[in-house]
Amino acid sequence: MDLEPTWQLFIKQLTLDECIYKAYWKKITGIPFLYIQINHDTPHSTLESLIKKCSDIAIKGKRLHSETVFVRQDDMLFVYRHRFYVPQEKMFCCGNLCVDCTRLKG
């Protein structure tokens, strides 16, 4: 699954907020890092809730989940390890009568 459009929408949604000056992402050794530079003193919890809200907008209607982990802060620059991923679910019946069996879904 190509995640580039999801990332573009996510970054666009982040930069629409007035407290964010600049936002971009880079992959370093295969791990996506999110860099956010804020305009003024914004509480860490507010920034994380904004990331969650924008991430939810970017993955709406797709079978994706997101995970965000704070890495470091340097003055007004925040760095997060942020990733979009497809959840691991059972794709077939193994015959063990599992509670989450694919036969029992819709």
PDB file of N, CA and C in Angstrom:
ATOM      1  N   MET A   1       0.839  -1.172   0.000  1.00  0.00           N
ATOM      2  CA  MET A   1       0.000   0.000   0.000  1.00  0.00           C
ATOM      3  C   MET A   1       0.893   1.247   0.000  1.00  0.00           C
ATOM      4  N   ASP A   2       0.618   2.179  -0.899  1.00  0.00           N
ATOM      5  CA  ASP A   2       1.384   3.413  -0.994  1.00  0.00           C
ATOM      6  C   ASP A   2       0.869   4.408   0.041  1.00  0.00           C
ATOM      7  N   LEU A   3       1.723   4.789   0.967  1.00  0.00           N
ATOM      8  CA  LEU A   3       1.328   5.694   2.044  1.00  0.00           C
ATOM      9  C   LEU A   3       1.652   7.158   1.756  1.00  0.00           C
ATOM     10  N   GLU A   4       2.264   7.435   0.616  1.00  0.00           N
ATOM     11  CA  GLU A   4       2.641   8.805   0.277  1.00  0.00           C
ATOM     12  C   GLU A   4       1.455   9.778   0.274  1.00  0.00           C
ATOM     13  N   PRO A   5       0.309   9.442  -0.357  1.00  0.00           N
ATOM     14  CA  PRO A   5      -0.837  10.366  -0.294  1.00  0.00           C
ATOM     15  C   PRO A   5      -1.346  10.595   1.125  1.00  0.00           C
ATOM     16  N   THR A   6      -1.280   9.573   1.958  1.00  0.00           N
ATOM     17  CA  THR A   6      -1.709   9.698   3.344  1.00  0.00           C
ATOM     18  C   THR A   6      -0.789  10.652   4.095  1.00  0.00           C
ATOM     19  N   TRP A   7       0.513  10.510   3.885  1.00  0.00           N
ATOM     20  CA  TRP A   7       1.473  11.413   4.508  1.00  0.00           C
ATOM     21  C   TRP A   7       1.264  12.852   4.039  1.00  0.00           C
ATOM     22  N   GLN A   8       1.035  13.042   2.746  1.00  0.00           N
ATOM     23  CA  GLN A   8       0.838  14.395   2.209  1.00  0.00           C
ATOM     24  C   GLN A   8      -0.384  15.054   2.830  1.00  0.00           C
ATOM     25  N   LEU A   9      -1.484  14.323   2.925  1.00  0.00           N
ATOM     26  CA  LEU A   9      -2.695  14.860   3.536  1.00  0.00           C
ATOM     27  C   LEU A   9      -2.467  15.164   5.021  1.00  0.00           C
ATOM     28  N   PHE A  10      -1.760  14.287   5.698  1.00  0.00           N
ATOM     29  CA  PHE A  10      -1.458  14.462   7.116  1.00  0.00           C
ATOM     30  C   PHE A  10      -0.636  15.739   7.358  1.00  0.00           C
ATOM     31  N   ILE A  11       0.420  15.927   6.583  1.00  0.00           N
ATOM     32  CA  ILE A  11       1.270  17.112   6.724  1.00  0.00           C
ATOM     33  C   ILE A  11       0.480  18.376   6.370  1.00  0.00           C
ATOM     34  N   LYS A  12      -0.350  18.299   5.340  1.00  0.00           N
ATOM     35  CA  LYS A  12      -1.164  19.450   4.945  1.00  0.00           C
ATOM     36  C   LYS A  12      -2.113  19.853   6.082  1.00  0.00           C
ATOM     37  N   GLN A  13      -2.756  18.868   6.706  1.00  0.00           N
ATOM     38  CA  GLN A  13      -3.664  19.144   7.814  1.00  0.00           C
ATOM     39  C   GLN A  13      -2.919  19.756   9.003  1.00  0.00           C
ATOM     40  N   LEU A  14      -1.702  19.280   9.259  1.00  0.00           N
ATOM     41  CA  LEU A  14      -0.915  19.819  10.365  1.00  0.00           C
ATOM     42  C   LEU A  14      -0.561  21.287  10.126  1.00  0.00           C
ATOM     43  N   THR A  15      -0.143  21.610   8.913  1.00  0.00           N
ATOM     44  CA  THR A  15       0.300  22.974   8.635  1.00  0.00           C
ATOM     45  C   THR A  15      -0.857  23.963   8.549  1.00  0.00           C
ATOM     46  N   LEU A  16      -2.092  23.482   8.485  1.00  0.00           N
ATOM     47  CA  LEU A  16      -3.240  24.380   8.483  1.00  0.00           C
ATOM     48  C   LEU A  16      -3.486  25.003   9.858  1.00  0.00           C
ATOM     49  N   ASP A  17      -2.979  24.384  10.902  1.00  0.00           N
ATOM     50  CA  ASP A  17      -3.173  24.916  12.250  1.00  0.00           C
ATOM     51  C   ASP A  17      -2.229  26.097  12.486  1.00  0.00           C
ATOM     52  N   GLU A  18      -2.733  27.113  13.186  1.00  0.00           N
ATOM     53  CA  GLU A  18      -1.959  28.345  13.378  1.00  0.00           C
ATOM     54  C   GLU A  18      -0.784  28.194  14.337  1.00  0.00           C
ATOM     55  N   CYS A  19      -0.790  27.182  15.189  1.00  0.00           N
ATOM     56  CA  CYS A  19       0.323  27.029  16.130  1.00  0.00           C
ATOM     57  C   CYS A  19       1.529  26.332  15.502  1.00  0.00           C
ATOM     58  N   ILE A  20       1.365  25.758  14.307  1.00  0.00           N
ATOM     59  CA  ILE A  20       2.471  25.054  13.657  1.00  0.00           C
ATOM     60  C   ILE A  20       3.062  25.913  12.551  1.00  0.00           C
ATOM     61  N   TYR A  21       4.364  26.156  12.679  1.00  0.00           N
ATOM     62  CA  TYR A  21       5.075  26.952  11.682  1.00  0.00           C
ATOM     63  C   TYR A  21       5.467  26.092  10.479  1.00  0.00           C
ATOM     64  N   LYS A  22       5.990  24.890  10.753  1.00  0.00           N
ATOM     65  CA  LYS A  22       6.478  24.015   9.696  1.00  0.00           C
ATOM     66  C   LYS A  22       6.359  22.566  10.148  1.00  0.00           C
ATOM     67  N   ALA A  23       5.984  21.695   9.235  1.00  0.00           N
ATOM     68  CA  ALA A  23       5.910  20.259   9.537  1.00  0.00           C
ATOM     69  C   ALA A  23       6.387  19.475   8.324  1.00  0.00           C
ATOM     70  N   TYR A  24       7.195  18.470   8.563  1.00  0.00           N
ATOM     71  CA  TYR A  24       7.666  17.600   7.482  1.00  0.00           C
ATOM     72  C   TYR A  24       8.063  16.258   8.084  1.00  0.00           C
ATOM     73  N   TRP A  25       8.281  15.279   7.210  1.00  0.00           N
ATOM     74  CA  TRP A  25       8.671  13.952   7.678  1.00  0.00           C
ATOM     75  C   TRP A  25       9.823  13.434   6.840  1.00  0.00           C
ATOM     76  N   LYS A  26      10.632  12.588   7.471  1.00  0.00           N
ATOM     77  CA  LYS A  26      11.762  11.951   6.810  1.00  0.00           C
ATOM     78  C   LYS A  26      11.832  10.503   7.262  1.00  0.00           C
ATOM     79  N   LYS A  27      12.265   9.649   6.352  1.00  0.00           N
ATOM     80  CA  LYS A  27      12.513   8.258   6.719  1.00  0.00           C
ATOM     81  C   LYS A  27      14.006   8.107   6.956  1.00  0.00           C
ATOM     82  N   ILE A  28      14.345   7.645   8.140  1.00  0.00           N
ATOM     83  CA  ILE A  28      15.743   7.402   8.476  1.00  0.00           C
ATOM     84  C   ILE A  28      15.860   5.933   8.853  1.00  0.00           C
ATOM     85  N   THR A  29      16.664   5.209   8.108  1.00  0.00           N
ATOM     86  CA  THR A  29      16.822   3.751   8.232  1.00  0.00           C
ATOM     87  C   THR A  29      15.479   3.032   8.242  1.00  0.00           C
ATOM     88  N   GLY A  30      14.560   3.501   7.394  1.00  0.00           N
ATOM     89  CA  GLY A  30      13.263   2.855   7.242  1.00  0.00           C
ATOM     90  C   GLY A  30      12.222   3.258   8.272  1.00  0.00           C
ATOM     91  N   ILE A  31      12.580   4.122   9.208  1.00  0.00           N
ATOM     92  CA  ILE A  31      11.645   4.555  10.252  1.00  0.00           C
ATOM     93  C   ILE A  31      11.218   5.989   9.960  1.00  0.00           C
ATOM     94  N   PRO A  32       9.905   6.236   9.845  1.00  0.00           N
ATOM     95  CA  PRO A  32       9.442   7.603   9.554  1.00  0.00           C
ATOM     96  C   PRO A  32       9.449   8.491  10.805  1.00  0.00           C
ATOM     97  N   PHE A  33      10.093   9.650  10.679  1.00  0.00           N
ATOM     98  CA  PHE A  33      10.140  10.627  11.755  1.00  0.00           C
ATOM     99  C   PHE A  33       9.401  11.882  11.325  1.00  0.00           C
ATOM    100  N   LEU A  34       8.624  12.432  12.240  1.00  0.00           N
ATOM    101  CA  LEU A  34       7.831  13.626  12.012  1.00  0.00           C
ATOM    102  C   LEU A  34       8.495  14.787  12.738  1.00  0.00           C
ATOM    103  N   TYR A  35       8.781  15.860  11.983  1.00  0.00           N
ATOM    104  CA  TYR A  35       9.405  17.055  12.545  1.00  0.00           C
ATOM    105  C   TYR A  35       8.381  18.177  12.533  1.00  0.00           C
ATOM    106  N   ILE A  36       8.137  18.774  13.690  1.00  0.00           N
ATOM    107  CA  ILE A  36       7.158  19.855  13.799  1.00  0.00           C
ATOM    108  C   ILE A  36       7.810  21.041  14.490  1.00  0.00           C
ATOM    109  N   GLN A  37       7.799  22.183  13.793  1.00  0.00           N
ATOM    110  CA  GLN A  37       8.298  23.416  14.378  1.00  0.00           C
ATOM    111  C   GLN A  37       7.085  24.287  14.700  1.00  0.00           C
ATOM    112  N   ILE A  38       6.971  24.692  15.964  1.00  0.00           N
ATOM    113  CA  ILE A  38       5.802  25.453  16.387  1.00  0.00           C
ATOM    114  C   ILE A  38       6.109  26.946  16.413  1.00  0.00           C
ATOM    115  N   ASN A  39       5.054  27.763  16.352  1.00  0.00           N
ATOM    116  CA  ASN A  39       5.201  29.213  16.341  1.00  0.00           C
ATOM    117  C   ASN A  39       5.459  29.788  17.724  1.00  0.00           C
ATOM    118  N   HIS A  40       4.794  29.304  18.711  1.00  0.00           N
ATOM    119  CA  HIS A  40       4.910  29.850  20.061  1.00  0.00           C
ATOM    120  C   HIS A  40       4.779  28.709  21.063  1.00  0.00           C
ATOM    121  N   ASP A  41       4.810  29.047  22.311  1.00  0.00           N
ATOM    122  CA  ASP A  41       4.729  28.010  23.353  1.00  0.00           C
ATOM    123  C   ASP A  41       3.379  27.311  23.314  1.00  0.00           C
ATOM    124  N   THR A  42       3.400  26.102  22.832  1.00  0.00           N
ATOM    125  CA  THR A  42       2.214  25.266  22.772  1.00  0.00           C
ATOM    126  C   THR A  42       2.447  24.081  23.707  1.00  0.00           C
ATOM    127  N   PRO A  43       1.513  23.791  24.580  1.00  0.00           N
ATOM    128  CA  PRO A  43       1.698  22.634  25.476  1.00  0.00           C
ATOM    129  C   PRO A  43       1.887  21.335  24.683  1.00  0.00           C
ATOM    130  N   HIS A  44       2.715  20.483  25.239  1.00  0.00           N
ATOM    131  CA  HIS A  44       3.020  19.203  24.595  1.00  0.00           C
ATOM    132  C   HIS A  44       1.755  18.379  24.365  1.00  0.00           C
ATOM    133  N   SER A  45       0.844  18.404  25.330  1.00  0.00           N
ATOM    134  CA  SER A  45      -0.391  17.625  25.206  1.00  0.00           C
ATOM    135  C   SER A  45      -1.278  18.164  24.074  1.00  0.00           C
ATOM    136  N   THR A  46      -1.290  19.485  23.891  1.00  0.00           N
ATOM    137  CA  THR A  46      -2.072  20.080  22.803  1.00  0.00           C
ATOM    138  C   THR A  46      -1.507  19.670  21.460  1.00  0.00           C
ATOM    139  N   LEU A  47      -0.188  19.666  21.348  1.00  0.00           N
ATOM    140  CA  LEU A  47       0.460  19.270  20.102  1.00  0.00           C
ATOM    141  C   LEU A  47       0.178  17.807  19.780  1.00  0.00           C
ATOM    142  N   GLU A  48       0.226  16.953  20.780  1.00  0.00           N
ATOM    143  CA  GLU A  48      -0.039  15.530  20.543  1.00  0.00           C
ATOM    144  C   GLU A  48      -1.492  15.280  20.168  1.00  0.00           C
ATOM    145  N   SER A  49      -2.424  16.026  20.753  1.00  0.00           N
ATOM    146  CA  SER A  49      -3.828  15.858  20.375  1.00  0.00           C
ATOM    147  C   SER A  49      -4.066  16.379  18.957  1.00  0.00           C
ATOM    148  N   LEU A  50      -3.343  17.412  18.556  1.00  0.00           N
ATOM    149  CA  LEU A  50      -3.434  17.918  17.186  1.00  0.00           C
ATOM    150  C   LEU A  50      -2.894  16.886  16.192  1.00  0.00           C
ATOM    151  N   ILE A  51      -1.786  16.238  16.544  1.00  0.00           N
ATOM    152  CA  ILE A  51      -1.228  15.184  15.686  1.00  0.00           C
ATOM    153  C   ILE A  51      -2.238  14.057  15.538  1.00  0.00           C
ATOM    154  N   LYS A  52      -2.868  13.664  16.634  1.00  0.00           N
ATOM    155  CA  LYS A  52      -3.869  12.587  16.601  1.00  0.00           C
ATOM    156  C   LYS A  52      -5.056  12.972  15.727  1.00  0.00           C
ATOM    157  N   LYS A  53      -5.537  14.217  15.871  1.00  0.00           N
ATOM    158  CA  LYS A  53      -6.685  14.675  15.094  1.00  0.00           C
ATOM    159  C   LYS A  53      -6.362  14.692  13.596  1.00  0.00           C
ATOM    160  N   CYS A  54      -5.203  15.226  13.232  1.00  0.00           N
ATOM    161  CA  CYS A  54      -4.807  15.294  11.824  1.00  0.00           C
ATOM    162  C   CYS A  54      -4.538  13.905  11.258  1.00  0.00           C
ATOM    163  N   SER A  55      -4.008  13.023  12.082  1.00  0.00           N
ATOM    164  CA  SER A  55      -3.770  11.648  11.659  1.00  0.00           C
ATOM    165  C   SER A  55      -5.090  10.936  11.384  1.00  0.00           C
ATOM    166  N   ASP A  56      -6.089  11.172  12.229  1.00  0.00           N
ATOM    167  CA  ASP A  56      -7.406  10.567  12.026  1.00  0.00           C
ATOM    168  C   ASP A  56      -8.045  11.056  10.729  1.00  0.00           C
ATOM    169  N   ILE A  57      -7.858  12.331  10.411  1.00  0.00           N
ATOM    170  CA  ILE A  57      -8.379  12.876   9.150  1.00  0.00           C
ATOM    171  C   ILE A  57      -7.697  12.206   7.955  1.00  0.00           C
ATOM    172  N   ALA A  58      -6.374  12.009   8.058  1.00  0.00           N
ATOM    173  CA  ALA A  58      -5.609  11.436   6.948  1.00  0.00           C
ATOM    174  C   ALA A  58      -5.953   9.968   6.682  1.00  0.00           C
ATOM    175  N   ILE A  59      -6.328   9.226   7.724  1.00  0.00           N
ATOM    176  CA  ILE A  59      -6.597   7.794   7.528  1.00  0.00           C
ATOM    177  C   ILE A  59      -8.087   7.471   7.449  1.00  0.00           C
ATOM    178  N   LYS A  60      -8.920   8.492   7.468  1.00  0.00           N
ATOM    179  CA  LYS A  60     -10.365   8.257   7.418  1.00  0.00           C
ATOM    180  C   LYS A  60     -10.735   7.519   6.125  1.00  0.00           C
ATOM    181  N   GLY A  61     -11.490   6.450   6.267  1.00  0.00           N
ATOM    182  CA  GLY A  61     -11.929   5.663   5.121  1.00  0.00           C
ATOM    183  C   GLY A  61     -10.917   4.650   4.628  1.00  0.00           C
ATOM    184  N   LYS A  62      -9.779   4.529   5.298  1.00  0.00           N
ATOM    185  CA  LYS A  62      -8.745   3.563   4.904  1.00  0.00           C
ATOM    186  C   LYS A  62      -8.554   2.566   6.037  1.00  0.00           C
ATOM    187  N   ARG A  63      -8.055   1.412   5.694  1.00  0.00           N
ATOM    188  CA  ARG A  63      -7.775   0.401   6.727  1.00  0.00           C
ATOM    189  C   ARG A  63      -6.388   0.628   7.305  1.00  0.00           C
ATOM    190  N   LEU A  64      -6.205   1.767   7.943  1.00  0.00           N
ATOM    191  CA  LEU A  64      -4.916   2.118   8.516  1.00  0.00           C
ATOM    192  C   LEU A  64      -5.085   2.530   9.977  1.00  0.00           C
ATOM    193  N   HIS A  65      -4.004   2.405  10.707  1.00  0.00           N
ATOM    194  CA  HIS A  65      -3.903   2.913  12.066  1.00  0.00           C
ATOM    195  C   HIS A  65      -2.651   3.774  12.120  1.00  0.00           C
ATOM    196  N   SER A  66      -2.545   4.572  13.170  1.00  0.00           N
ATOM    197  CA  SER A  66      -1.342   5.382  13.319  1.00  0.00           C
ATOM    198  C   SER A  66      -0.787   5.220  14.725  1.00  0.00           C
ATOM    199  N   GLU A  67       0.499   5.463  14.835  1.00  0.00           N
ATOM    200  CA  GLU A  67       1.189   5.392  16.118  1.00  0.00           C
ATOM    201  C   GLU A  67       2.176   6.542  16.189  1.00  0.00           C
ATOM    202  N   THR A  68       2.158   7.275  17.299  1.00  0.00           N
ATOM    203  CA  THR A  68       3.044   8.420  17.474  1.00  0.00           C
ATOM    204  C   THR A  68       3.792   8.284  18.791  1.00  0.00           C
ATOM    205  N   VAL A  69       5.114   8.419  18.728  1.00  0.00           N
ATOM    206  CA  VAL A  69       5.956   8.322  19.918  1.00  0.00           C
ATOM    207  C   VAL A  69       6.878   9.543  19.947  1.00  0.00           C
ATOM    208  N   PHE A  70       6.849  10.275  21.055  1.00  0.00           N
ATOM    209  CA  PHE A  70       7.720  11.435  21.209  1.00  0.00           C
ATOM    210  C   PHE A  70       9.171  10.990  21.292  1.00  0.00           C
ATOM    211  N   VAL A  71      10.049  11.681  20.531  1.00  0.00           N
ATOM    212  CA  VAL A  71      11.473  11.330  20.526  1.00  0.00           C
ATOM    213  C   VAL A  71      12.283  12.390  21.267  1.00  0.00           C
ATOM    214  N   ARG A  72      12.188  13.653  20.814  1.00  0.00           N
ATOM    215  CA  ARG A  72      12.972  14.709  21.459  1.00  0.00           C
ATOM    216  C   ARG A  72      12.404  16.074  21.115  1.00  0.00           C
ATOM    217  N   GLN A  73      12.897  17.084  21.843  1.00  0.00           N
ATOM    218  CA  GLN A  73      12.510  18.467  21.595  1.00  0.00           C
ATOM    219  C   GLN A  73      13.764  19.323  21.632  1.00  0.00           C
ATOM    220  N   ASP A  74      13.886  20.213  20.661  1.00  0.00           N
ATOM    221  CA  ASP A  74      14.996  21.146  20.618  1.00  0.00           C
ATOM    222  C   ASP A  74      14.415  22.536  20.425  1.00  0.00           C
ATOM    223  N   ASP A  75      14.255  23.267  21.519  1.00  0.00           N
ATOM    224  CA  ASP A  75      13.634  24.589  21.526  1.00  0.00           C
ATOM    225  C   ASP A  75      12.206  24.480  20.989  1.00  0.00           C
ATOM    226  N   MET A  76      11.934  24.981  19.793  1.00  0.00           N
ATOM    227  CA  MET A  76      10.577  24.958  19.234  1.00  0.00           C
ATOM    228  C   MET A  76      10.380  23.821  18.219  1.00  0.00           C
ATOM    229  N   LEU A  77      11.356  22.934  18.081  1.00  0.00           N
ATOM    230  CA  LEU A  77      11.268  21.807  17.148  1.00  0.00           C
ATOM    231  C   LEU A  77      11.002  20.525  17.923  1.00  0.00           C
ATOM    232  N   PHE A  78       9.922  19.867  17.563  1.00  0.00           N
ATOM    233  CA  PHE A  78       9.556  18.595  18.180  1.00  0.00           C
ATOM    234  C   PHE A  78       9.769  17.482  17.166  1.00  0.00           C
ATOM    235  N   VAL A  79      10.293  16.357  17.629  1.00  0.00           N
ATOM    236  CA  VAL A  79      10.516  15.199  16.764  1.00  0.00           C
ATOM    237  C   VAL A  79       9.733  14.022  17.334  1.00  0.00           C
ATOM    238  N   TYR A  80       8.969  13.384  16.455  1.00  0.00           N
ATOM    239  CA  TYR A  80       8.173  12.211  16.822  1.00  0.00           C
ATOM    240  C   TYR A  80       8.485  11.074  15.859  1.00  0.00           C
ATOM    241  N   ARG A  81       8.399   9.859  16.358  1.00  0.00           N
ATOM    242  CA  ARG A  81       8.400   8.694  15.474  1.00  0.00           C
ATOM    243  C   ARG A  81       6.924   8.439  15.190  1.00  0.00           C
ATOM    244  N   HIS A  82       6.534   8.638  13.949  1.00  0.00           N
ATOM    245  CA  HIS A  82       5.119   8.522  13.589  1.00  0.00           C
ATOM    246  C   HIS A  82       5.004   7.565  12.413  1.00  0.00           C
ATOM    247  N   ARG A  83       4.073   6.653  12.503  1.00  0.00           N
ATOM    248  CA  ARG A  83       3.902   5.713  11.387  1.00  0.00           C
ATOM    249  C   ARG A  83       2.437   5.401  11.161  1.00  0.00           C
ATOM    250  N   PHE A  84       2.136   5.136   9.915  1.00  0.00           N
ATOM    251  CA  PHE A  84       0.828   4.622   9.518  1.00  0.00           C
ATOM    252  C   PHE A  84       1.041   3.161   9.178  1.00  0.00           C
ATOM    253  N   TYR A  85       0.134   2.304   9.654  1.00  0.00           N
ATOM    254  CA  TYR A  85       0.311   0.878   9.388  1.00  0.00           C
ATOM    255  C   TYR A  85      -1.040   0.194   9.228  1.00  0.00           C
ATOM    256  N   VAL A  86      -1.011  -0.928   8.526  1.00  0.00           N
ATOM    257  CA  VAL A  86      -2.193  -1.765   8.345  1.00  0.00           C
ATOM    258  C   VAL A  86      -2.240  -2.726   9.527  1.00  0.00           C
ATOM    259  N   PRO A  87      -3.380  -2.799  10.228  1.00  0.00           N
ATOM    260  CA  PRO A  87      -3.446  -3.686  11.397  1.00  0.00           C
ATOM    261  C   PRO A  87      -3.336  -5.154  10.988  1.00  0.00           C
ATOM    262  N   GLN A  88      -2.709  -5.922  11.846  1.00  0.00           N
ATOM    263  CA  GLN A  88      -2.590  -7.349  11.574  1.00  0.00           C
ATOM    264  C   GLN A  88      -3.851  -8.046  12.054  1.00  0.00           C
ATOM    265  N   GLU A  89      -4.545  -8.651  11.129  1.00  0.00           N
ATOM    266  CA  GLU A  89      -5.763  -9.384  11.455  1.00  0.00           C
ATOM    267  C   GLU A  89      -5.699 -10.755  10.810  1.00  0.00           C
ATOM    268  N   LYS A  90      -6.468 -11.666  11.348  1.00  0.00           N
ATOM    269  CA  LYS A  90      -6.528 -12.994  10.755  1.00  0.00           C
ATOM    270  C   LYS A  90      -7.183 -12.912   9.383  1.00  0.00           C
ATOM    271  N   MET A  91      -6.606 -13.584   8.419  1.00  0.00           N
ATOM    272  CA  MET A  91      -7.117 -13.545   7.057  1.00  0.00           C
ATOM    273  C   MET A  91      -7.797 -14.865   6.663  1.00  0.00           C
ATOM    274  N   PHE A  92      -7.684 -15.895   7.501  1.00  0.00           N
ATOM    275  CA  PHE A  92      -8.270 -17.190   7.168  1.00  0.00           C
ATOM    276  C   PHE A  92      -8.644 -17.927   8.457  1.00  0.00           C
ATOM    277  N   CYS A  93      -9.457 -18.938   8.328  1.00  0.00           N
ATOM    278  CA  CYS A  93      -9.866 -19.751   9.470  1.00  0.00           C
ATOM    279  C   CYS A  93      -8.828 -20.852   9.688  1.00  0.00           C
ATOM    280  N   CYS A  94      -8.338 -20.938  10.925  1.00  0.00           N
ATOM    281  CA  CYS A  94      -7.330 -21.960  11.232  1.00  0.00           C
ATOM    282  C   CYS A  94      -7.961 -23.242  11.774  1.00  0.00           C
ATOM    283  N   GLY A  95      -9.262 -23.214  12.058  1.00  0.00           N
ATOM    284  CA  GLY A  95      -9.955 -24.408  12.531  1.00  0.00           C
ATOM    285  C   GLY A  95      -9.907 -24.613  14.033  1.00  0.00           C
ATOM    286  N   ASN A  96      -9.397 -23.654  14.788  1.00  0.00           N
ATOM    287  CA  ASN A  96      -9.278 -23.792  16.242  1.00  0.00           C
ATOM    288  C   ASN A  96     -10.439 -23.158  17.005  1.00  0.00           C
ATOM    289  N   LEU A  97     -11.505 -22.796  16.308  1.00  0.00           N
ATOM    290  CA  LEU A  97     -12.684 -22.172  16.916  1.00  0.00           C
ATOM    291  C   LEU A  97     -12.322 -20.912  17.721  1.00  0.00           C
ATOM    292  N   CYS A  98     -11.505 -20.057  17.144  1.00  0.00           N
ATOM    293  CA  CYS A  98     -11.082 -18.813  17.804  1.00  0.00           C
ATOM    294  C   CYS A  98     -12.255 -17.854  17.941  1.00  0.00           C
ATOM    295  N   VAL A  99     -12.176 -16.983  18.942  1.00  0.00           N
ATOM    296  CA  VAL A  99     -13.237 -16.010  19.179  1.00  0.00           C
ATOM    297  C   VAL A  99     -13.304 -14.982  18.041  1.00  0.00           C
ATOM    298  N   ASP A 100     -12.168 -14.655  17.475  1.00  0.00           N
ATOM    299  CA  ASP A 100     -12.125 -13.670  16.392  1.00  0.00           C
ATOM    300  C   ASP A 100     -12.032 -14.336  15.012  1.00  0.00           C
ATOM    301  N   CYS A 101     -12.670 -15.488  14.855  1.00  0.00           N
ATOM    302  CA  CYS A 101     -12.602 -16.235  13.612  1.00  0.00           C
ATOM    303  C   CYS A 101     -13.161 -15.428  12.436  1.00  0.00           C
ATOM    304  N   THR A 102     -12.539 -15.557  11.295  1.00  0.00           N
ATOM    305  CA  THR A 102     -12.982 -14.815  10.101  1.00  0.00           C
ATOM    306  C   THR A 102     -14.340 -15.322   9.609  1.00  0.00           C
ATOM    307  N   ARG A 103     -14.686 -16.546   9.968  1.00  0.00           N
ATOM    308  CA  ARG A 103     -15.985 -17.085   9.564  1.00  0.00           C
ATOM    309  C   ARG A 103     -17.141 -16.371  10.276  1.00  0.00           C
ATOM    310  N   LEU A 104     -16.867 -15.819  11.453  1.00  0.00           N
ATOM    311  CA  LEU A 104     -17.911 -15.179  12.242  1.00  0.00           C
ATOM    312  C   LEU A 104     -18.137 -13.721  11.863  1.00  0.00           C
ATOM    313  N   LYS A 105     -17.297 -13.199  10.992  1.00  0.00           N
ATOM    314  CA  LYS A 105     -17.458 -11.787  10.576  1.00  0.00           C
ATOM    315  C   LYS A 105     -18.417 -11.693   9.413  1.00  0.00           C
ATOM    316  N   GLY A 106     -19.300 -10.693   9.494  1.00  0.00           N
ATOM    317  CA  GLY A 106     -20.257 -10.292   8.476  1.00  0.00           C
ATOM    318  C   GLY A 106     -20.579 -11.268   7.476  1.00  0.00           C
TER     319      GLY A 106
END
